[in-house]
Protein backbone atom coordinates (compact mmCIF):
# COMPACT_ATOMS: atom_id res chain seq x y z
CA UNK A 1 63.84 42.93 13.18
CA UNK A 2 63.93 39.08 13.71
CA UNK A 3 61.02 38.07 15.87
CA UNK A 4 62.36 34.52 16.21
CA UNK A 5 65.65 35.50 17.44
CA UNK A 6 67.09 35.16 20.90
CA UNK A 7 68.92 38.30 22.42
CA UNK A 8 71.75 37.51 24.80
CA UNK A 9 72.93 40.53 27.13
CA UNK A 10 76.48 39.89 28.68
CA UNK A 11 76.44 40.98 32.27
CA UNK A 12 78.27 40.09 35.60
CA UNK A 13 74.82 39.89 37.08
CA UNK A 14 73.89 37.12 34.77
CA UNK A 15 73.85 33.44 34.99
CA UNK A 16 77.48 31.85 34.60
CA UNK A 17 77.76 30.52 31.19
CA UNK A 18 78.25 27.04 30.47
CA UNK A 19 77.75 25.48 27.13
CA UNK A 20 74.02 25.11 27.83
CA UNK A 21 73.51 28.46 29.81
CA UNK A 22 73.91 32.15 28.70
CA UNK A 23 75.20 35.41 30.10
CA UNK A 24 78.01 35.60 32.62
CA UNK A 25 81.22 34.05 31.88
CA UNK A 26 82.57 34.53 35.36
CA UNK A 27 83.03 36.84 38.31
CA UNK A 28 85.55 39.35 36.62
CA UNK A 29 85.63 42.49 34.63
CA UNK A 30 86.57 43.13 31.28
CA UNK A 31 86.96 46.26 29.21
CA UNK A 32 83.90 45.34 27.10
CA UNK A 33 81.69 42.62 26.12
CA UNK A 34 84.06 41.72 23.32
CA UNK A 35 86.37 39.14 25.12
CA UNK A 36 83.08 37.48 26.96
CA UNK A 37 81.46 37.25 23.60
CA UNK A 38 84.48 35.64 22.14
CA UNK A 39 84.70 33.25 24.86
CA UNK A 40 81.08 32.12 24.46
CA UNK A 41 81.64 32.10 20.79
CA UNK A 42 84.79 29.70 20.94
CA UNK A 43 83.01 27.38 23.50
CA UNK A 44 80.09 26.97 21.06
CA UNK A 45 82.13 26.29 18.09
CA UNK A 46 83.98 23.62 19.86
CA UNK A 47 80.71 21.83 20.41
CA UNK A 48 79.99 21.89 16.60
CA UNK A 49 80.85 18.10 15.18
CA UNK A 50 84.33 18.35 13.33
CA UNK A 51 85.32 21.66 14.68
CA UNK A 52 88.03 20.17 16.58
CA UNK A 53 89.52 16.70 16.79
CA UNK A 54 87.60 13.78 18.72
CA UNK A 55 90.62 13.32 20.62
CA UNK A 56 90.76 16.63 22.20
CA UNK A 57 87.70 15.89 24.02
CA UNK A 58 89.34 13.13 25.87
CA UNK A 59 92.06 15.27 27.34
CA UNK A 60 89.35 18.46 28.00
CA UNK A 61 90.47 20.51 31.07
CA UNK A 62 86.81 20.14 32.64
CA UNK A 63 87.01 16.52 32.29
CA UNK A 64 86.17 14.51 35.37
CA UNK A 65 85.47 18.08 37.19
CA UNK A 66 89.14 19.00 36.86
CA UNK A 67 90.32 22.25 35.95
CA UNK A 68 93.22 20.96 34.23
CA UNK A 69 95.02 17.89 32.82
CA UNK A 70 96.40 15.40 35.46
CA UNK A 71 99.77 16.89 36.25
CA UNK A 72 102.64 14.48 37.50
CA UNK A 73 105.39 16.64 36.78
CA UNK A 74 105.93 18.82 39.84
CA UNK A 75 107.68 18.32 42.05
CA UNK A 76 110.05 16.16 39.91
CA UNK A 77 111.04 14.10 43.04
CA UNK A 78 108.93 13.65 46.16
CA UNK A 79 109.62 11.62 49.17
CA UNK A 80 112.65 10.11 47.41
CA UNK A 81 110.65 8.95 44.46
CA UNK A 82 111.25 10.57 41.00
CA UNK A 83 108.68 11.27 38.30
CA UNK A 84 109.07 8.70 35.19
CA UNK A 85 110.83 10.66 32.40
CA UNK A 86 107.90 9.88 30.04
CA UNK A 87 105.65 12.12 32.21
CA UNK A 88 108.16 14.94 32.15
CA UNK A 89 108.10 14.73 28.32
CA UNK A 90 104.56 16.05 28.13
CA UNK A 91 103.97 13.69 25.10
CA UNK A 92 100.25 12.81 25.94
CA UNK A 93 100.54 9.75 23.33
CA UNK A 94 103.46 8.39 25.22
CA UNK A 95 101.95 9.10 28.44
CA UNK A 96 98.80 7.26 27.76
CA UNK A 97 100.86 4.53 26.40
């Protein structure tokens, strides 16, 4: 009914979704298309200016090809050296200082 619209079909055979592509969100099975559609929607909303705080992008989990924040808390002691208490706090503002 909308000739200029673009139809997206979620499928495990599709291309892996990034914020610039469509279709598959990964190699796993869900009960239906609702969760993959929600994941895509969430990723797209995050790209809207003002949807999240700009500081959040500085600590993105995919920044620098990492899958998570830099983690310095485990083990708490290694080779006789202890992790500084500020790193164990989880307070990212204090850690950055």
